[in-house]
Amino acid sequence: MNKLTTDIAVIGGGVIGVATALRLRADGRDVVLIEPNKPGSGASYGNAGTIADYAIIPVGTPAVLKNLAALLLNSDSPLSIRKAALPTLFPWLVRFAYESLPHRYRDNTSRIADLLSDASSEWLELAAEIGASDLLSAKGCLYLYQTPEAFKAAASDVELRRNYGIGQQLLTPEEVQSLEPRLPQVHGGGLFFPKAINFTDPGQVMSVMEAAARQAGVEFVRDSVTTILRQRNGVRMLASAHSIHARAAVIAAGAHSRGLALQLGERVLLDTERGYHLEFDMETLPVERPVCPTHHGFYFCPMRGRLRVAGTVELGGITAPSNPRRLQVLLANARRIFPTLGEPSRSWMGFRPSMPDSVPVIRPSKGGRDVVFAFGHGHIGLTLAPRTARMVSSILAA
């Protein structure tokens, strides 16, 4: 077994782990990052590519709670559950229902808004540092409302975002058509976030970030941590072929973080959203910016040389295979907007680490600052990577 000693060990090589390792290395720390797969090859690759600083509303809301049973038991809904996973998910679902109550929903929105407040500026700074600015697009983001009733029902969410200073513009159907002329006409209207930015290739962003971290001196270890132990003089992590001793450790293993936290005596209600996407290779893209048909709950994401259709939530753990039905529904709904879409060039399924309140866990472990938690980001992991890295750096510096 290979033995390694370092100042800080980062467990997890998604966007949160790599951004954190890069930040800690800039602080002058010796850093080892442990990841069993190619860094950034999971949800950090398969996401919608949006820096969603406008996404302050948690998944759990009073409206979702009202329709929760119907949503979860409908395999075609934007929020569904693998029925075989229901017994395991029950504690998470009970807490999710509680966090969807009006007073919890308001508190969670406030906490998420605080985290997202500087997300775009922090990403612009990080992208410039690592040489990824050419992968950023600043054309905003568009929500679509198919009917006047749906458009009217969104008014409370619009007002909530306005109260937190989020820039947004209500668009008539004609204005939607002018902004995105290849879209079919909607009868409700649109909501435009003019300051939103997105990446045209999240996978390439991760490759650039990994290269920058390696060049900065971060040591990458291709292995999977199975055991984490506190010792008098630090933290020991055991993997299949390595034993790593560090002064401190950061658990940023996404959907796999719960078991490591449990070994340290903390029961964290982390579970997994299974996310899906389809991609269509094409030279001329049908949209200029990320577009979300809100009634279907997914995004059309313009990428370099391809259109990505990404989104929906399936609660179901990390061991079951991909659900073909979710991909079929995604394809059928995409074709309702663009009927001439051909067969997908590729498909993907990955795991989003999800908390019942949609608020990520970014804090010292209860046993002390020698282990820091940085997981549970759900749909805003890409968005919050630089902010999370800065918070972890501050915790370890205290």
Protein backbone atom coordinates (compact mmCIF):
# COMPACT_ATOMS: atom_id res chain seq x y z
CA MET A 1 0.00 0.00 0.00
CA ASN A 2 1.30 3.43 -0.98
CA LYS A 3 1.64 5.83 1.96
CA LEU A 4 1.23 9.57 1.46
CA THR A 5 1.50 12.50 3.85
CA THR A 6 0.13 15.94 3.10
CA ASP A 7 -1.20 19.11 4.68
CA ILE A 8 -4.74 18.93 3.25
CA ALA A 9 -6.49 15.97 1.62
CA VAL A 10 -9.50 16.71 -0.57
CA ILE A 11 -11.78 13.72 -1.06
CA GLY A 12 -13.65 14.08 -4.34
CA GLY A 13 -12.69 15.32 -7.79
CA GLY A 14 -15.86 17.02 -8.99
CA VAL A 15 -16.02 20.76 -9.55
CA ILE A 16 -16.29 21.42 -5.80
CA GLY A 17 -13.26 19.28 -4.96
CA VAL A 18 -11.04 20.57 -7.76
CA ALA A 19 -11.96 24.22 -7.15
CA THR A 20 -11.27 23.73 -3.44
CA ALA A 21 -7.92 22.06 -4.07
CA LEU A 22 -6.93 24.88 -6.42
CA ARG A 23 -7.87 27.51 -3.84
CA LEU A 24 -6.03 25.75 -1.01
CA ARG A 25 -2.94 25.40 -3.17
CA ALA A 26 -3.09 29.15 -3.85
CA ASP A 27 -3.13 29.57 -0.05
CA GLY A 28 0.22 27.82 0.06
CA ARG A 29 -1.04 24.46 1.30
CA ASP A 30 0.25 21.09 0.18
CA VAL A 31 -2.82 19.37 -1.27
CA VAL A 32 -3.61 15.81 -2.32
CA LEU A 33 -6.91 15.20 -4.13
CA ILE A 34 -8.31 11.66 -4.09
CA GLU A 35 -10.81 10.67 -6.79
CA PRO A 36 -11.48 7.22 -8.29
CA ASN A 37 -12.57 8.49 -11.71
CA LYS A 38 -11.44 11.12 -14.15
CA PRO A 39 -11.87 14.45 -12.32
CA GLY A 40 -15.05 16.24 -13.28
CA SER A 41 -16.54 13.28 -15.16
CA GLY A 42 -19.74 13.01 -13.08
CA ALA A 43 -22.40 15.64 -12.48
CA SER A 44 -19.74 18.34 -12.98
CA TYR A 45 -19.68 17.26 -16.64
CA GLY A 46 -23.32 16.36 -17.19
CA ASN A 47 -25.02 19.51 -15.89
CA ALA A 48 -26.80 22.28 -17.77
CA GLY A 49 -23.70 24.49 -17.74
CA THR A 50 -25.51 27.42 -16.13
CA ILE A 51 -24.02 29.71 -13.49
CA ALA A 52 -27.44 29.96 -11.91
CA ASP A 53 -27.12 32.88 -9.51
CA TYR A 54 -30.86 33.43 -9.99
CA ALA A 55 -31.73 29.91 -8.70
CA ILE A 56 -32.50 30.94 -5.13
CA ILE A 57 -35.74 28.96 -4.83
CA PRO A 58 -35.27 25.51 -3.25
CA VAL A 59 -36.70 22.34 -4.77
CA GLY A 60 -39.04 22.02 -1.79
CA THR A 61 -41.77 24.69 -1.84
CA PRO A 62 -45.34 24.88 -0.54
CA ALA A 63 -46.59 24.32 -4.10
CA VAL A 64 -44.45 21.19 -4.47
CA LEU A 65 -45.60 19.95 -1.06
CA LYS A 66 -49.23 20.33 -2.09
CA ASN A 67 -48.68 18.06 -5.10
CA LEU A 68 -45.85 15.92 -3.70
CA ALA A 69 -47.55 12.52 -3.82
CA ALA A 70 -48.80 13.01 -7.37
CA LEU A 71 -45.40 14.23 -8.53
CA LEU A 72 -43.37 11.47 -6.92
CA LEU A 73 -45.61 8.63 -8.08
CA ASN A 74 -45.82 9.84 -11.68
CA SER A 75 -42.76 8.44 -13.48
CA ASP A 76 -43.14 11.10 -16.19
CA SER A 77 -43.15 14.15 -13.88
CA PRO A 78 -40.16 16.50 -13.50
CA LEU A 79 -39.81 15.25 -9.90
CA SER A 80 -40.17 11.49 -9.50
CA ILE A 81 -38.95 8.59 -7.38
CA ARG A 82 -37.81 5.04 -8.01
CA LYS A 83 -40.42 3.13 -6.03
CA ALA A 84 -37.87 0.47 -5.04
CA ALA A 85 -35.88 3.19 -3.28
CA LEU A 86 -38.82 4.48 -1.22
CA PRO A 87 -37.97 2.69 2.06
CA THR A 88 -34.41 4.02 2.02
CA LEU A 89 -35.53 7.50 0.99
CA PHE A 90 -38.33 7.77 3.55
CA PRO A 91 -36.35 9.78 6.19
CA TRP A 92 -35.15 12.17 3.47
CA LEU A 93 -38.68 12.60 2.12
CA VAL A 94 -40.12 13.32 5.56
CA ARG A 95 -37.55 16.06 6.08
CA PHE A 96 -38.11 17.32 2.53
CA ALA A 97 -41.82 17.70 3.28
CA TYR A 98 -41.01 19.65 6.44
CA GLU A 99 -38.55 21.90 4.58
CA SER A 100 -41.30 22.63 2.03
CA LEU A 101 -43.53 24.26 4.66
CA PRO A 102 -43.90 28.04 4.18
CA HIS A 103 -41.66 29.16 7.06
CA ARG A 104 -38.88 26.70 6.15
CA TYR A 105 -39.18 27.52 2.44
CA ARG A 106 -38.68 31.23 3.18
CA ASP A 107 -35.66 30.54 5.41
CA ASN A 108 -34.07 28.17 2.89
CA THR A 109 -34.57 30.69 0.09
CA SER A 110 -32.78 33.33 2.14
CA ARG A 111 -29.84 31.02 2.86
CA ILE A 112 -29.49 29.99 -0.78
CA ALA A 113 -29.73 33.61 -1.94
CA ASP A 114 -26.90 34.56 0.39
CA LEU A 115 -24.67 31.82 -1.03
CA LEU A 116 -25.47 32.75 -4.63
CA SER A 117 -25.05 36.50 -4.25
CA ASP A 118 -21.53 36.68 -5.74
CA ALA A 119 -21.56 33.47 -7.78
CA SER A 120 -21.19 35.02 -11.23
CA SER A 121 -18.41 37.43 -10.30
CA GLU A 122 -16.49 34.68 -8.51
CA TRP A 123 -16.74 32.44 -11.58
CA LEU A 124 -15.61 35.23 -13.88
CA GLU A 125 -12.56 35.68 -11.68
CA LEU A 126 -11.78 31.96 -11.49
CA ALA A 127 -12.30 31.44 -15.23
CA ALA A 128 -9.81 34.22 -15.95
CA GLU A 129 -7.28 32.68 -13.54
CA ILE A 130 -7.40 29.22 -15.11
CA GLY A 131 -7.74 30.33 -18.74
CA ALA A 132 -11.37 29.29 -19.26
CA SER A 133 -12.93 32.67 -20.08
CA ASP A 134 -13.41 31.64 -23.71
CA LEU A 135 -15.77 28.90 -22.51
CA LEU A 136 -18.14 31.42 -20.92
CA SER A 137 -21.19 32.89 -22.66
CA ALA A 138 -23.05 35.92 -21.29
CA LYS A 139 -26.34 35.92 -23.17
CA GLY A 140 -28.61 35.40 -20.18
CA CYS A 141 -31.11 32.64 -19.46
CA LEU A 142 -34.77 32.33 -20.47
CA TYR A 143 -37.73 30.66 -18.71
CA LEU A 144 -40.74 29.83 -20.89
CA TYR A 145 -44.38 29.77 -19.76
CA GLN A 146 -46.68 27.96 -22.15
CA THR A 147 -49.98 29.46 -20.96
CA PRO A 148 -51.13 32.82 -19.53
CA GLU A 149 -52.18 30.95 -16.38
CA ALA A 150 -48.67 29.54 -15.87
CA PHE A 151 -47.17 32.97 -16.48
CA LYS A 152 -49.49 34.52 -13.90
CA ALA A 153 -48.74 31.75 -11.39
CA ALA A 154 -45.03 32.61 -11.56
CA ALA A 155 -45.65 36.12 -10.22
CA SER A 156 -44.86 35.21 -6.60
CA ASP A 157 -41.51 33.69 -7.59
CA VAL A 158 -40.70 36.75 -9.67
CA GLU A 159 -41.47 39.02 -6.73
CA LEU A 160 -39.38 36.86 -4.40
CA ARG A 161 -36.35 37.08 -6.67
CA ARG A 162 -36.90 40.83 -7.05
CA ASN A 163 -36.78 41.20 -3.28
CA TYR A 164 -33.30 39.66 -3.35
CA GLY A 165 -32.10 41.99 -6.08
CA ILE A 166 -32.02 39.46 -8.92
CA GLY A 167 -32.27 41.05 -12.35
CA GLN A 168 -35.16 39.68 -14.39
CA GLN A 169 -37.38 40.87 -17.19
CA LEU A 170 -40.93 39.77 -17.95
CA LEU A 171 -41.39 39.16 -21.68
CA THR A 172 -44.51 38.99 -23.80
CA PRO A 173 -44.83 36.07 -26.25
CA GLU A 174 -43.76 38.45 -29.02
CA GLU A 175 -40.64 39.48 -27.08
CA VAL A 176 -39.79 35.82 -26.47
CA GLN A 177 -40.04 35.22 -30.21
CA SER A 178 -37.75 38.19 -30.89
CA LEU A 179 -35.15 36.97 -28.40
CA GLU A 180 -35.24 33.33 -29.56
CA PRO A 181 -36.68 33.33 -33.10
CA ARG A 182 -36.29 29.55 -33.62
CA LEU A 183 -38.58 28.75 -30.70
CA PRO A 184 -42.21 27.96 -31.44
CA GLN A 185 -44.62 30.55 -30.11
CA VAL A 186 -45.51 30.40 -26.43
CA HIS A 187 -48.84 31.75 -25.28
CA GLY A 188 -47.90 32.73 -21.74
CA GLY A 189 -44.64 34.65 -21.98
CA GLY A 190 -41.11 34.45 -20.72
CA LEU A 191 -38.85 35.45 -17.87
CA PHE A 192 -35.39 36.61 -18.91
CA PHE A 193 -32.36 36.75 -16.61
CA PRO A 194 -30.12 39.14 -18.56
CA LYS A 195 -27.03 38.84 -16.35
CA ALA A 196 -26.93 35.02 -16.31
CA ILE A 197 -23.85 33.34 -17.73
CA ASN A 198 -23.23 29.77 -18.84
CA PHE A 199 -20.46 27.47 -19.97
CA THR A 200 -20.49 26.20 -23.52
CA ASP A 201 -18.68 22.99 -22.50
CA PRO A 202 -18.68 21.99 -18.80
CA GLY A 203 -16.47 18.98 -19.50
CA GLN A 204 -13.82 21.18 -21.08
CA VAL A 205 -14.06 23.60 -18.15
CA MET A 206 -13.27 20.70 -15.83
CA SER A 207 -10.30 19.64 -17.98
CA VAL A 208 -8.92 23.18 -17.88
CA MET A 209 -9.46 23.39 -14.12
CA GLU A 210 -7.77 20.04 -13.54
CA ALA A 211 -4.79 21.10 -15.65
CA ALA A 212 -4.52 24.36 -13.70
CA ALA A 213 -4.62 22.47 -10.39
CA ARG A 214 -1.92 20.05 -11.53
CA GLN A 215 0.25 22.91 -12.74
CA ALA A 216 -0.22 24.64 -9.38
CA GLY A 217 1.11 21.56 -7.61
CA VAL A 218 -2.02 19.67 -6.51
CA GLU A 219 -1.26 15.94 -6.38
CA PHE A 220 -4.03 13.78 -7.85
CA VAL A 221 -4.47 10.22 -6.56
CA ARG A 222 -6.68 7.86 -8.57
CA ASP A 223 -8.35 5.90 -5.79
CA SER A 224 -11.51 5.69 -3.70
CA VAL A 225 -11.45 6.53 0.00
CA THR A 226 -13.30 3.84 1.97
CA THR A 227 -12.29 4.76 5.53
CA ILE A 228 -11.64 8.03 7.32
CA LEU A 229 -10.26 8.14 10.87
CA ARG A 230 -9.42 10.94 13.25
CA GLN A 231 -6.07 10.57 14.95
CA ARG A 232 -4.24 12.69 17.51
CA ASN A 233 -1.99 14.21 14.90
CA GLY A 234 -4.42 14.52 11.99
CA VAL A 235 -6.73 12.53 9.78
CA ARG A 236 -6.02 9.18 8.15
CA MET A 237 -7.80 8.03 5.00
CA LEU A 238 -7.62 4.49 3.67
CA ALA A 239 -8.23 3.68 0.03
CA SER A 240 -7.81 0.49 -1.96
CA ALA A 241 -4.13 1.14 -2.74
CA HIS A 242 -3.24 4.13 -0.59
CA SER A 243 -3.00 5.26 3.00
CA ILE A 244 -3.10 9.05 3.23
CA HIS A 245 -2.30 11.02 6.36
CA ALA A 246 -3.23 14.71 6.42
CA ARG A 247 -3.37 17.52 8.92
CA ALA A 248 -6.92 18.15 7.72
CA ALA A 249 -9.37 16.71 5.21
CA VAL A 250 -12.16 18.11 3.06
CA ILE A 251 -15.03 15.78 2.21
CA ALA A 252 -16.28 16.91 -1.21
CA ALA A 253 -17.29 13.53 -2.58
CA GLY A 254 -20.72 14.61 -3.79
CA ALA A 255 -23.32 11.88 -3.56
CA HIS A 256 -20.76 9.58 -1.91
CA SER A 257 -20.11 11.89 1.05
CA ARG A 258 -22.77 10.56 3.41
CA GLY A 259 -20.93 7.35 4.31
CA LEU A 260 -17.71 9.19 5.11
CA ALA A 261 -19.55 11.65 7.34
CA LEU A 262 -21.21 8.74 9.12
CA GLN A 263 -17.80 7.24 9.92
CA LEU A 264 -17.06 10.47 11.79
CA GLY A 265 -20.25 10.13 13.80
CA GLU A 266 -22.48 12.49 11.78
CA ARG A 267 -25.76 11.40 10.24
CA VAL A 268 -26.30 13.82 7.38
CA LEU A 269 -29.58 13.56 5.46
CA LEU A 270 -27.83 13.54 2.11
CA ASP A 271 -29.35 11.57 -0.73
CA THR A 272 -29.11 11.43 -4.47
CA GLU A 273 -30.94 13.00 -7.38
CA ARG A 274 -30.32 11.07 -10.56
CA GLY A 275 -29.89 13.61 -13.35
CA TYR A 276 -30.18 12.86 -17.07
CA HIS A 277 -29.23 14.52 -20.30
CA LEU A 278 -29.43 13.93 -24.04
CA GLU A 279 -27.15 15.53 -26.62
CA PHE A 280 -27.74 16.25 -30.27
CA ASP A 281 -24.73 17.04 -32.45
CA MET A 282 -25.55 19.93 -34.80
CA GLU A 283 -23.88 22.89 -36.45
CA THR A 284 -26.76 25.35 -36.12
CA LEU A 285 -28.22 25.43 -32.62
CA PRO A 286 -31.94 26.19 -32.12
CA VAL A 287 -31.35 28.44 -29.09
CA GLU A 288 -28.82 31.16 -28.31
CA ARG A 289 -28.86 30.76 -24.52
CA PRO A 290 -30.09 28.27 -21.90
CA VAL A 291 -33.86 27.99 -22.23
CA CYS A 292 -36.10 26.27 -19.68
CA PRO A 293 -39.66 25.26 -20.62
CA THR A 294 -40.87 25.47 -17.03
CA HIS A 295 -43.84 23.15 -17.49
CA HIS A 296 -41.43 20.31 -18.39
CA GLY A 297 -38.64 21.14 -15.93
CA PHE A 298 -35.56 20.82 -18.15
CA TYR A 299 -33.12 23.06 -20.01
CA PHE A 300 -32.15 23.38 -23.65
CA CYS A 301 -28.43 24.09 -23.29
CA PRO A 302 -26.43 25.41 -26.25
CA MET A 303 -23.01 23.73 -26.18
CA ARG A 304 -20.11 23.79 -28.60
CA GLY A 305 -21.28 21.83 -31.63
CA ARG A 306 -24.24 20.28 -29.87
CA LEU A 307 -27.51 20.88 -28.07
CA ARG A 308 -27.79 19.39 -24.59
CA VAL A 309 -31.22 18.69 -23.11
CA ALA A 310 -30.69 18.38 -19.36
CA GLY A 311 -32.76 18.27 -16.23
CA THR A 312 -35.53 16.68 -14.18
CA VAL A 313 -35.18 15.04 -10.77
CA GLU A 314 -35.35 11.31 -10.08
CA LEU A 315 -34.80 10.26 -6.49
CA GLY A 316 -33.34 6.78 -6.49
CA GLY A 317 -29.86 6.31 -5.03
CA ILE A 318 -26.50 5.60 -6.62
CA THR A 319 -26.59 1.87 -7.29
CA ALA A 320 -29.50 1.33 -9.70
CA PRO A 321 -28.87 1.54 -13.45
CA SER A 322 -30.09 4.36 -15.66
CA ASN A 323 -33.87 4.51 -16.10
CA PRO A 324 -34.64 4.43 -19.85
CA ARG A 325 -38.08 5.90 -19.19
CA ARG A 326 -36.58 9.15 -17.93
CA LEU A 327 -34.60 9.53 -21.15
CA GLN A 328 -37.69 8.74 -23.22
CA VAL A 329 -39.69 11.41 -21.40
CA LEU A 330 -36.87 13.93 -21.82
CA LEU A 331 -36.77 13.21 -25.56
CA ALA A 332 -40.54 13.37 -25.98
CA ASN A 333 -40.76 16.71 -24.16
CA ALA A 334 -37.85 18.16 -26.14
CA ARG A 335 -39.60 17.20 -29.36
CA ARG A 336 -42.75 18.96 -28.19
CA ILE A 337 -40.72 22.17 -28.50
CA PHE A 338 -38.57 21.20 -31.49
CA PRO A 339 -40.42 18.44 -33.39
CA THR A 340 -37.63 17.99 -35.95
CA LEU A 341 -35.02 16.88 -33.41
CA GLY A 342 -33.46 13.66 -34.65
CA GLU A 343 -32.14 10.77 -32.62
CA PRO A 344 -29.82 11.75 -29.74
CA SER A 345 -26.11 11.48 -30.38
CA ARG A 346 -25.51 10.36 -26.78
CA SER A 347 -27.15 10.15 -23.37
CA TRP A 348 -25.95 10.43 -19.78
CA MET A 349 -27.06 9.77 -16.23
CA GLY A 350 -25.27 11.01 -13.12
CA PHE A 351 -25.74 11.75 -9.45
CA ARG A 352 -26.49 15.07 -7.80
CA PRO A 353 -25.89 15.18 -4.02
CA SER A 354 -29.11 16.53 -2.58
CA MET A 355 -30.17 17.88 0.81
CA PRO A 356 -33.86 18.07 1.81
CA ASP A 357 -33.63 21.86 2.20
CA SER A 358 -31.57 22.39 -1.01
CA VAL A 359 -28.91 24.12 1.11
CA PRO A 360 -25.40 22.65 0.69
CA VAL A 361 -23.38 21.51 3.68
CA ILE A 362 -20.31 23.77 3.89
CA ARG A 363 -18.98 23.74 7.44
CA PRO A 364 -16.54 22.13 9.85
CA SER A 365 -17.53 18.68 11.00
CA LYS A 366 -18.94 18.58 14.52
CA GLY A 367 -15.78 16.85 15.70
CA GLY A 368 -13.59 19.80 14.72
CA ARG A 369 -12.07 21.82 11.90
CA ASP A 370 -9.69 19.02 10.98
CA VAL A 371 -12.48 17.72 8.73
CA VAL A 372 -14.52 20.13 6.63
CA PHE A 373 -17.74 19.18 4.81
CA ALA A 374 -18.37 20.56 1.31
CA PHE A 375 -21.17 18.60 -0.31
CA GLY A 376 -24.92 18.49 -0.97
CA HIS A 377 -25.04 21.24 -3.61
CA GLY A 378 -27.83 19.69 -5.66
CA HIS A 379 -28.52 21.76 -8.79
CA ILE A 380 -26.11 24.57 -7.90
CA GLY A 381 -22.80 22.73 -7.54
CA LEU A 382 -21.22 24.23 -10.65
CA THR A 383 -22.56 27.65 -9.69
CA LEU A 384 -21.20 27.55 -6.14
CA ALA A 385 -17.80 25.94 -6.74
CA PRO A 386 -15.66 29.10 -6.34
CA ARG A 387 -17.73 30.32 -3.37
CA THR A 388 -17.49 26.93 -1.67
CA ALA A 389 -13.72 26.86 -2.21
CA ARG A 390 -13.41 30.28 -0.59
CA MET A 391 -15.52 29.23 2.38
CA VAL A 392 -13.51 26.05 2.94
CA SER A 393 -10.29 28.07 2.75
CA SER A 394 -11.59 30.43 5.43
CA ILE A 395 -12.65 27.56 7.69
CA LEU A 396 -9.22 25.92 7.48
CA ALA A 397 -7.45 29.24 8.04
CA ALA A 398 -9.38 29.98 11.26
